[in-house]
Amino acid sequence: DISAGIVVGIMLVPQAIAYALVASLPPQYGFYSCIVPSLVYMLFGTSRHVHLGVNAPISLMVAVTVKELGAKTDGERISAALAITAITSAMYLAMMALRLDLIATFVPDPVVSGFCTAMALQIMSSNLKYVVGVNLNTDSVAATARDLLRHAPRANPAAVAVFAAGCALI
């Protein structure tokens, strides 16, 4: 159990910090988001095989919602993310009480596949600003691509090299 915990911690903490950046929150909130749910589930959970923590689509949806709410400062973004979390939790509890999980069985596989593909493209395009070290317009994939081409000469060569090496390893 200890070695499994160490391995999970080595993988989960950097991933959660990266997802906090995707959600436009300070990095330490990614750390909190991987520790607190695990502690709560340890006390109240019933299954040994449940994965808890943040993921890329949820982080991106939080970022988009926080941006739509007009949050500018870290404090406003944190408050908005906490409000989104509370509202989402209440909705999950209500759906669980009403046994609405049945609805998910009616969503066709091509719709789920298309959603996953679109989320992957959006997540990739929203993170390119960290790859090239230049501020990019991330309102849409097309706007990001246009800004990427426009700002390519100012890209940070070291960041691009690390990105290319990571892609080559994958």
C-alpha atoms as a PDB file:
ATOM      1  CA  ASP A   1       0.000   0.000   0.000  1.00  0.00           C
ATOM      2  CA  ILE A   2       2.812   2.410   0.796  1.00  0.00           C
ATOM      3  CA  SER A   3       4.623   1.848  -2.504  1.00  0.00           C
ATOM      4  CA  ALA A   4       1.327   2.163  -4.417  1.00  0.00           C
ATOM      5  CA  GLY A   5       0.613   5.416  -2.579  1.00  0.00           C
ATOM      6  CA  ILE A   6       4.043   6.782  -3.456  1.00  0.00           C
ATOM      7  CA  VAL A   7       3.643   5.916  -7.138  1.00  0.00           C
ATOM      8  CA  VAL A   8       0.151   7.437  -7.271  1.00  0.00           C
ATOM      9  CA  GLY A   9       1.416  10.546  -5.485  1.00  0.00           C
ATOM     10  CA  ILE A  10       4.287  10.940  -7.941  1.00  0.00           C
ATOM     11  CA  MET A  11       1.840  10.809 -10.849  1.00  0.00           C
ATOM     12  CA  LEU A  12      -1.206  12.528  -9.340  1.00  0.00           C
ATOM     13  CA  VAL A  13       0.307  15.643  -7.782  1.00  0.00           C
ATOM     14  CA  PRO A  14       1.976  17.061 -10.946  1.00  0.00           C
ATOM     15  CA  GLN A  15      -1.101  16.133 -12.991  1.00  0.00           C
ATOM     16  CA  ALA A  16      -3.416  17.900 -10.538  1.00  0.00           C
ATOM     17  CA  ILE A  17      -1.194  20.997 -10.511  1.00  0.00           C
ATOM     18  CA  ALA A  18      -1.278  21.075 -14.321  1.00  0.00           C
ATOM     19  CA  TYR A  19      -5.071  20.742 -14.297  1.00  0.00           C
ATOM     20  CA  ALA A  20      -5.291  23.665 -11.865  1.00  0.00           C
ATOM     21  CA  LEU A  21      -3.425  25.757 -14.438  1.00  0.00           C
ATOM     22  CA  VAL A  22      -5.849  24.539 -17.139  1.00  0.00           C
ATOM     23  CA  ALA A  23      -8.716  25.664 -14.883  1.00  0.00           C
ATOM     24  CA  SER A  24      -7.012  29.102 -14.560  1.00  0.00           C
ATOM     25  CA  LEU A  25      -6.469  28.614 -10.818  1.00  0.00           C
ATOM     26  CA  PRO A  26      -3.266  28.945  -8.789  1.00  0.00           C
ATOM     27  CA  PRO A  27      -1.209  25.708  -8.845  1.00  0.00           C
ATOM     28  CA  GLN A  28      -1.644  24.949  -5.141  1.00  0.00           C
ATOM     29  CA  TYR A  29      -5.375  24.374  -5.718  1.00  0.00           C
ATOM     30  CA  GLY A  30      -4.466  21.428  -7.914  1.00  0.00           C
ATOM     31  CA  PHE A  31      -2.615  19.949  -4.965  1.00  0.00           C
ATOM     32  CA  TYR A  32      -5.642  20.512  -2.721  1.00  0.00           C
ATOM     33  CA  SER A  33      -7.918  18.926  -5.320  1.00  0.00           C
ATOM     34  CA  CYS A  34      -5.990  15.661  -5.255  1.00  0.00           C
ATOM     35  CA  ILE A  35      -5.561  15.426  -1.477  1.00  0.00           C
ATOM     36  CA  VAL A  36      -8.946  16.474  -0.054  1.00  0.00           C
ATOM     37  CA  PRO A  37     -11.178  14.118  -2.117  1.00  0.00           C
ATOM     38  CA  SER A  38      -8.924  11.171  -1.265  1.00  0.00           C
ATOM     39  CA  LEU A  39      -9.133  11.906   2.452  1.00  0.00           C
ATOM     40  CA  VAL A  40     -12.920  12.311   2.351  1.00  0.00           C
ATOM     41  CA  TYR A  41     -13.369   9.129   0.329  1.00  0.00           C
ATOM     42  CA  MET A  42     -11.060   7.256   2.685  1.00  0.00           C
ATOM     43  CA  LEU A  43     -13.487   8.049   5.512  1.00  0.00           C
ATOM     44  CA  PHE A  44     -16.824   7.599   3.715  1.00  0.00           C
ATOM     45  CA  GLY A  45     -16.142   5.571   0.556  1.00  0.00           C
ATOM     46  CA  THR A  46     -17.211   2.005  -0.056  1.00  0.00           C
ATOM     47  CA  SER A  47     -15.050   0.850  -2.994  1.00  0.00           C
ATOM     48  CA  ARG A  48     -11.311   0.241  -3.260  1.00  0.00           C
ATOM     49  CA  HIS A  49     -11.358   0.768  -7.028  1.00  0.00           C
ATOM     50  CA  VAL A  50     -12.583   4.338  -7.402  1.00  0.00           C
ATOM     51  CA  HIS A  51     -10.478   7.038  -9.068  1.00  0.00           C
ATOM     52  CA  LEU A  52     -10.861  10.455  -7.489  1.00  0.00           C
ATOM     53  CA  GLY A  53      -9.476  13.773  -8.538  1.00  0.00           C
ATOM     54  CA  VAL A  54      -9.526  16.269 -11.326  1.00  0.00           C
ATOM     55  CA  ASN A  55      -9.412  15.562 -15.028  1.00  0.00           C
ATOM     56  CA  ALA A  56      -8.812  17.624 -18.134  1.00  0.00           C
ATOM     57  CA  PRO A  57     -12.416  18.096 -19.369  1.00  0.00           C
ATOM     58  CA  ILE A  58     -13.663  19.235 -15.971  1.00  0.00           C
ATOM     59  CA  SER A  59     -10.713  21.613 -15.568  1.00  0.00           C
ATOM     60  CA  LEU A  60     -11.379  23.116 -18.985  1.00  0.00           C
ATOM     61  CA  MET A  61     -15.105  23.511 -18.291  1.00  0.00           C
ATOM     62  CA  VAL A  62     -14.307  25.258 -15.001  1.00  0.00           C
ATOM     63  CA  ALA A  63     -11.926  27.613 -16.834  1.00  0.00           C
ATOM     64  CA  VAL A  64     -14.539  28.464 -19.460  1.00  0.00           C
ATOM     65  CA  THR A  65     -17.240  29.052 -16.843  1.00  0.00           C
ATOM     66  CA  VAL A  66     -14.948  31.178 -14.669  1.00  0.00           C
ATOM     67  CA  LYS A  67     -14.045  33.246 -17.739  1.00  0.00           C
ATOM     68  CA  GLU A  68     -17.732  33.671 -18.650  1.00  0.00           C
ATOM     69  CA  LEU A  69     -18.432  34.886 -15.102  1.00  0.00           C
ATOM     70  CA  GLY A  70     -15.862  37.635 -15.640  1.00  0.00           C
ATOM     71  CA  ALA A  71     -13.511  36.650 -12.820  1.00  0.00           C
ATOM     72  CA  LYS A  72     -10.268  38.612 -13.219  1.00  0.00           C
ATOM     73  CA  THR A  73      -8.253  38.174 -10.014  1.00  0.00           C
ATOM     74  CA  ASP A  74      -7.082  34.951  -8.383  1.00  0.00           C
ATOM     75  CA  GLY A  75      -9.535  35.485  -5.534  1.00  0.00           C
ATOM     76  CA  GLU A  76     -12.466  35.903  -7.920  1.00  0.00           C
ATOM     77  CA  ARG A  77     -11.436  32.822  -9.925  1.00  0.00           C
ATOM     78  CA  ILE A  78     -11.094  30.746  -6.750  1.00  0.00           C
ATOM     79  CA  SER A  79     -14.495  31.907  -5.465  1.00  0.00           C
ATOM     80  CA  ALA A  80     -16.107  31.154  -8.819  1.00  0.00           C
ATOM     81  CA  ALA A  81     -14.518  27.682  -8.954  1.00  0.00           C
ATOM     82  CA  LEU A  82     -15.715  26.935  -5.417  1.00  0.00           C
ATOM     83  CA  ALA A  83     -19.244  28.071  -6.311  1.00  0.00           C
ATOM     84  CA  ILE A  84     -19.204  25.909  -9.453  1.00  0.00           C
ATOM     85  CA  THR A  85     -18.061  22.948  -7.348  1.00  0.00           C
ATOM     86  CA  ALA A  86     -20.827  23.459  -4.771  1.00  0.00           C
ATOM     87  CA  ILE A  87     -23.539  23.816  -7.425  1.00  0.00           C
ATOM     88  CA  THR A  88     -22.283  20.772  -9.338  1.00  0.00           C
ATOM     89  CA  SER A  89     -22.172  18.702  -6.149  1.00  0.00           C
ATOM     90  CA  ALA A  90     -25.753  19.662  -5.303  1.00  0.00           C
ATOM     91  CA  MET A  91     -26.857  18.735  -8.823  1.00  0.00           C
ATOM     92  CA  TYR A  92     -25.076  15.355  -8.598  1.00  0.00           C
ATOM     93  CA  LEU A  93     -26.755  14.610  -5.274  1.00  0.00           C
ATOM     94  CA  ALA A  94     -30.174  15.562  -6.662  1.00  0.00           C
ATOM     95  CA  MET A  95     -29.649  13.410  -9.762  1.00  0.00           C
ATOM     96  CA  MET A  96     -28.521  10.516  -7.583  1.00  0.00           C
ATOM     97  CA  ALA A  97     -31.592  10.860  -5.350  1.00  0.00           C
ATOM     98  CA  LEU A  98     -33.880  10.925  -8.403  1.00  0.00           C
ATOM     99  CA  ARG A  99     -32.059   7.922  -9.974  1.00  0.00           C
ATOM    100  CA  LEU A 100     -31.309   9.878 -13.170  1.00  0.00           C
ATOM    101  CA  ASP A 101     -28.197   7.829 -13.981  1.00  0.00           C
ATOM    102  CA  LEU A 102     -30.454   5.915 -16.367  1.00  0.00           C
ATOM    103  CA  ILE A 103     -30.288   8.853 -18.817  1.00  0.00           C
ATOM    104  CA  ALA A 104     -26.602   8.170 -19.555  1.00  0.00           C
ATOM    105  CA  THR A 105     -27.497   4.844 -21.170  1.00  0.00           C
ATOM    106  CA  PHE A 106     -29.348   6.696 -23.941  1.00  0.00           C
ATOM    107  CA  VAL A 107     -26.314   8.717 -25.101  1.00  0.00           C
ATOM    108  CA  PRO A 108     -24.961   6.996 -28.252  1.00  0.00           C
ATOM    109  CA  ASP A 109     -21.292   5.989 -28.420  1.00  0.00           C
ATOM    110  CA  PRO A 110     -20.536   8.278 -31.427  1.00  0.00           C
ATOM    111  CA  VAL A 111     -21.732  11.279 -29.391  1.00  0.00           C
ATOM    112  CA  VAL A 112     -19.432  10.348 -26.512  1.00  0.00           C
ATOM    113  CA  SER A 113     -16.545   9.782 -28.942  1.00  0.00           C
ATOM    114  CA  GLY A 114     -17.132  13.142 -30.645  1.00  0.00           C
ATOM    115  CA  PHE A 115     -17.291  14.909 -27.290  1.00  0.00           C
ATOM    116  CA  CYS A 116     -14.010  13.316 -26.193  1.00  0.00           C
ATOM    117  CA  THR A 117     -12.297  14.279 -29.456  1.00  0.00           C
ATOM    118  CA  ALA A 118     -13.525  17.874 -29.239  1.00  0.00           C
ATOM    119  CA  MET A 119     -12.402  18.129 -25.611  1.00  0.00           C
ATOM    120  CA  ALA A 120      -8.954  16.781 -26.526  1.00  0.00           C
ATOM    121  CA  LEU A 121      -8.554  19.411 -29.269  1.00  0.00           C
ATOM    122  CA  GLN A 122      -9.763  22.188 -26.978  1.00  0.00           C
ATOM    123  CA  ILE A 123      -7.490  21.123 -24.118  1.00  0.00           C
ATOM    124  CA  MET A 124      -4.505  20.862 -26.442  1.00  0.00           C
ATOM    125  CA  SER A 125      -5.142  24.286 -27.971  1.00  0.00           C
ATOM    126  CA  SER A 126      -5.708  25.927 -24.585  1.00  0.00           C
ATOM    127  CA  ASN A 127      -2.329  24.637 -23.351  1.00  0.00           C
ATOM    128  CA  LEU A 128      -0.253  25.701 -26.360  1.00  0.00           C
ATOM    129  CA  LYS A 129       0.464  29.055 -24.684  1.00  0.00           C
ATOM    130  CA  TYR A 130       2.526  27.159 -22.093  1.00  0.00           C
ATOM    131  CA  VAL A 131       4.299  25.173 -24.808  1.00  0.00           C
ATOM    132  CA  VAL A 132       5.500  28.141 -26.844  1.00  0.00           C
ATOM    133  CA  GLY A 133       5.857  30.575 -23.943  1.00  0.00           C
ATOM    134  CA  VAL A 134       3.722  33.208 -25.705  1.00  0.00           C
ATOM    135  CA  ASN A 135       0.288  34.507 -24.711  1.00  0.00           C
ATOM    136  CA  LEU A 136      -2.260  33.148 -27.215  1.00  0.00           C
ATOM    137  CA  ASN A 137      -5.951  33.783 -27.810  1.00  0.00           C
ATOM    138  CA  THR A 138      -7.631  30.601 -26.556  1.00  0.00           C
ATOM    139  CA  ASP A 139     -11.239  31.537 -27.343  1.00  0.00           C
ATOM    140  CA  SER A 140     -11.355  28.911 -30.101  1.00  0.00           C
ATOM    141  CA  VAL A 141      -9.087  26.360 -31.735  1.00  0.00           C
ATOM    142  CA  ALA A 142      -8.970  28.468 -34.923  1.00  0.00           C
ATOM    143  CA  ALA A 143      -8.018  31.634 -33.010  1.00  0.00           C
ATOM    144  CA  THR A 144      -5.303  29.733 -31.153  1.00  0.00           C
ATOM    145  CA  ALA A 145      -3.889  28.340 -34.420  1.00  0.00           C
ATOM    146  CA  ARG A 146      -3.892  31.823 -35.987  1.00  0.00           C
ATOM    147  CA  ASP A 147      -2.113  33.349 -32.968  1.00  0.00           C
ATOM    148  CA  LEU A 148       0.334  30.444 -32.842  1.00  0.00           C
ATOM    149  CA  LEU A 149       1.393  31.067 -36.443  1.00  0.00           C
ATOM    150  CA  ARG A 150       1.597  34.821 -35.859  1.00  0.00           C
ATOM    151  CA  HIS A 151       3.735  34.496 -32.696  1.00  0.00           C
ATOM    152  CA  ALA A 152       5.863  31.496 -33.781  1.00  0.00           C
ATOM    153  CA  PRO A 153       9.056  33.576 -34.198  1.00  0.00           C
ATOM    154  CA  ARG A 154       8.787  34.715 -30.549  1.00  0.00           C
ATOM    155  CA  ALA A 155       8.305  31.175 -29.195  1.00  0.00           C
ATOM    156  CA  ASN A 156      10.579  30.024 -26.396  1.00  0.00           C
ATOM    157  CA  PRO A 157      12.935  27.486 -28.057  1.00  0.00           C
ATOM    158  CA  ALA A 158      13.562  25.578 -24.813  1.00  0.00           C
ATOM    159  CA  ALA A 159       9.826  25.157 -24.138  1.00  0.00           C
ATOM    160  CA  VAL A 160       9.203  24.016 -27.713  1.00  0.00           C
ATOM    161  CA  ALA A 161      12.109  21.531 -27.481  1.00  0.00           C
ATOM    162  CA  VAL A 162      10.748  20.023 -24.250  1.00  0.00           C
ATOM    163  CA  PHE A 163       7.282  19.777 -25.831  1.00  0.00           C
ATOM    164  CA  ALA A 164       8.678  18.109 -28.967  1.00  0.00           C
ATOM    165  CA  ALA A 165      10.709  15.647 -26.879  1.00  0.00           C
ATOM    166  CA  GLY A 166       7.626  14.788 -24.817  1.00  0.00           C
ATOM    167  CA  CYS A 167       5.554  14.213 -27.950  1.00  0.00           C
ATOM    168  CA  ALA A 168       8.305  12.035 -29.414  1.00  0.00           C
ATOM    169  CA  LEU A 169       8.434   9.923 -26.249  1.00  0.00           C
ATOM    170  CA  ILE A 170       4.682   9.442 -26.255  1.00  0.00           C
END
